[in-house]
Amino acid sequence: MAVSQETINKKNKEKKRLKKRLDKQQKLADRKANSQDGGLKNMIAYVDENGHITDIPPDPANRKKIDATSIEIGIPKREKERTTSIRKGKVDFFNSSKGFGFIKELDSQNRYFVHVNGLIEEIKEGDMVTFEVERGLKGMNAVRVKKVEG
């Protein structure tokens, strides 16, 4: 009787697997034989005091102490811009329960946001006031608001 084709294919597949396994073991042995001094030590890189990457460790005597609180992450806060000119206006809207409102300047008819923290005296809608302008997060804000008689 003849050997079935299926058995021959199984034998060929087994031979290929065995050959592959032996090749893999041979490659591993070659890598170990040709490696120098360990793998991790060759992969470490250092940065010198000028910012260049080297394979020589930095000298601890050249180490500089850095104050971590002086490092700013992100965008530094802008200084508040102030205009020293005192402006006159009329309280267009003010919600005392929420603590904010708007003042309409008499000269230019511009509206400025006002917060209760920027008030010197209490105000209400329709009051004539004097104020200064400061740049806030979302635009110009009225600050140091005083009520004016008249």
Protein backbone atom coordinates (compact mmCIF):
# COMPACT_ATOMS: atom_id res chain seq x y z
CA MET A 1 0.00 0.00 0.00
CA ALA A 2 1.04 3.54 -0.63
CA VAL A 3 1.42 6.21 2.04
CA SER A 4 -1.37 8.76 1.94
CA GLN A 5 -0.69 12.28 0.72
CA GLU A 6 -2.06 13.65 3.99
CA THR A 7 0.67 11.95 6.04
CA ILE A 8 3.42 13.31 3.76
CA ASN A 9 2.08 16.89 4.21
CA LYS A 10 2.07 16.44 7.98
CA LYS A 11 5.68 15.25 7.93
CA ASN A 12 6.72 18.20 5.74
CA LYS A 13 4.98 20.70 8.05
CA GLU A 14 6.67 19.17 11.09
CA LYS A 15 10.08 19.38 9.37
CA LYS A 16 9.48 23.08 8.58
CA ARG A 17 8.48 23.82 12.20
CA LEU A 18 11.56 22.05 13.54
CA LYS A 19 13.82 23.91 11.08
CA LYS A 20 12.24 27.26 12.05
CA ARG A 21 12.75 26.54 15.76
CA LEU A 22 16.40 25.57 15.21
CA ASP A 23 17.02 28.72 13.12
CA LYS A 24 15.52 30.87 15.87
CA GLN A 25 17.72 29.23 18.52
CA GLN A 26 20.77 29.72 16.28
CA LYS A 27 20.00 33.43 15.80
CA LEU A 28 19.59 33.89 19.57
CA ALA A 29 22.94 32.16 20.21
CA ASP A 30 24.62 34.37 17.57
CA ARG A 31 23.21 37.55 19.17
CA LYS A 32 24.42 36.49 22.60
CA ALA A 33 27.88 35.68 21.26
CA ASN A 34 28.20 39.00 19.41
CA SER A 35 26.71 41.24 22.11
CA GLN A 36 29.07 43.54 23.99
CA ASP A 37 29.00 44.05 27.70
CA GLY A 38 25.19 43.77 28.10
CA GLY A 39 22.38 45.48 26.22
CA LEU A 40 21.06 48.15 28.59
CA LYS A 41 24.42 49.75 29.27
CA ASN A 42 24.89 50.44 25.57
CA MET A 43 21.45 52.02 25.25
CA ILE A 44 21.81 54.68 27.98
CA ALA A 45 22.34 58.25 26.78
CA TYR A 46 23.12 61.34 28.85
CA VAL A 47 22.54 65.05 28.30
CA ASP A 48 25.49 67.31 29.09
CA GLU A 49 25.29 70.84 30.54
CA ASN A 50 25.02 72.31 27.01
CA GLY A 51 22.03 70.12 26.12
CA HIS A 52 23.94 67.73 23.82
CA ILE A 53 23.34 63.97 23.98
CA THR A 54 26.47 61.97 24.90
CA ASP A 55 27.38 58.47 26.09
CA ILE A 56 29.55 59.84 28.92
CA PRO A 57 27.81 60.40 32.28
CA PRO A 58 27.80 64.04 33.46
CA ASP A 59 30.20 65.22 36.15
CA PRO A 60 28.30 65.68 39.46
CA ALA A 61 30.53 68.67 40.29
CA ASN A 62 29.01 70.64 37.39
CA ARG A 63 25.45 70.10 38.65
CA LYS A 64 23.42 73.31 39.11
CA LYS A 65 20.67 73.74 41.68
CA ILE A 66 17.39 74.89 40.07
CA ASP A 67 14.56 76.45 42.04
CA ALA A 68 11.46 74.51 40.95
CA THR A 69 9.12 77.36 41.95
CA SER A 70 10.71 79.65 39.35
CA ILE A 71 9.65 77.37 36.49
CA GLU A 72 6.47 78.61 34.77
CA ILE A 73 4.33 76.04 33.04
CA GLY A 74 1.87 77.46 30.56
CA ILE A 75 1.22 81.07 29.69
CA PRO A 76 2.17 83.62 32.33
CA LYS A 77 -0.65 85.82 33.56
CA ARG A 78 -0.88 89.20 31.91
CA GLU A 79 -0.54 92.30 33.94
CA LYS A 80 -3.81 94.16 34.26
CA GLU A 81 -3.90 97.15 31.97
CA ARG A 82 -5.25 100.29 33.55
CA THR A 83 -6.17 103.57 32.09
CA THR A 84 -5.84 106.27 34.68
CA SER A 85 -8.46 108.50 33.11
CA ILE A 86 -11.67 108.71 35.11
CA ARG A 87 -14.73 108.16 32.93
CA LYS A 88 -18.34 109.11 33.48
CA GLY A 89 -21.28 106.88 32.77
CA LYS A 90 -24.72 105.68 33.71
CA VAL A 91 -25.57 102.28 35.24
CA ASP A 92 -27.41 100.52 32.42
CA PHE A 93 -28.12 97.30 34.30
CA PHE A 94 -27.18 96.03 37.77
CA ASN A 95 -28.32 92.83 39.50
CA SER A 96 -27.45 93.23 43.17
CA SER A 97 -28.37 89.62 44.03
CA LYS A 98 -25.85 88.27 41.50
CA GLY A 99 -23.35 91.09 42.03
CA PHE A 100 -22.72 92.30 38.50
CA GLY A 101 -24.00 94.73 35.91
CA PHE A 102 -23.09 97.06 33.04
CA ILE A 103 -22.21 100.73 32.84
CA LYS A 104 -22.73 102.72 29.65
CA GLU A 105 -20.09 105.42 29.14
CA LEU A 106 -21.58 108.85 28.36
CA ASP A 107 -18.98 109.94 25.79
CA SER A 108 -18.55 106.84 23.64
CA GLN A 109 -21.69 104.86 24.52
CA ASN A 110 -19.48 101.79 25.21
CA ARG A 111 -20.77 99.29 27.76
CA TYR A 112 -18.42 98.02 30.43
CA PHE A 113 -18.93 95.05 32.72
CA VAL A 114 -18.87 95.89 36.44
CA HIS A 115 -18.59 93.44 39.33
CA VAL A 116 -19.55 94.10 42.94
CA ASN A 117 -15.82 93.78 43.85
CA GLY A 118 -15.07 96.82 41.67
CA LEU A 119 -17.52 99.08 43.53
CA ILE A 120 -16.54 101.71 46.10
CA GLU A 121 -20.17 102.63 46.83
CA GLU A 122 -23.41 100.75 46.28
CA ILE A 123 -25.09 101.48 42.94
CA LYS A 124 -28.38 100.71 41.25
CA GLU A 125 -29.80 101.04 37.75
CA GLY A 126 -29.98 104.62 36.46
CA ASP A 127 -27.26 106.02 38.80
CA MET A 128 -24.64 108.38 37.35
CA VAL A 129 -21.15 107.09 38.20
CA THR A 130 -17.45 107.70 37.65
CA PHE A 131 -15.17 104.75 37.02
CA GLU A 132 -11.84 103.57 35.68
CA VAL A 133 -11.33 100.79 33.14
CA GLU A 134 -9.16 97.68 33.49
CA ARG A 135 -8.59 94.78 31.13
CA GLY A 136 -10.16 91.61 32.53
CA LEU A 137 -10.24 88.04 31.23
CA LYS A 138 -13.04 88.69 28.75
CA GLY A 139 -12.56 92.37 27.96
CA MET A 140 -12.57 95.76 29.63
CA ASN A 141 -14.13 96.01 33.11
CA ALA A 142 -15.21 99.05 35.11
CA VAL A 143 -13.44 99.31 38.46
CA ARG A 144 -13.36 101.81 41.36
CA VAL A 145 -16.95 102.81 40.60
CA LYS A 146 -18.31 105.79 42.59
CA LYS A 147 -21.79 107.24 42.56
CA VAL A 148 -21.97 110.89 41.38
CA GLU A 149 -24.76 113.31 42.29
CA GLY A 150 -26.31 114.93 39.29
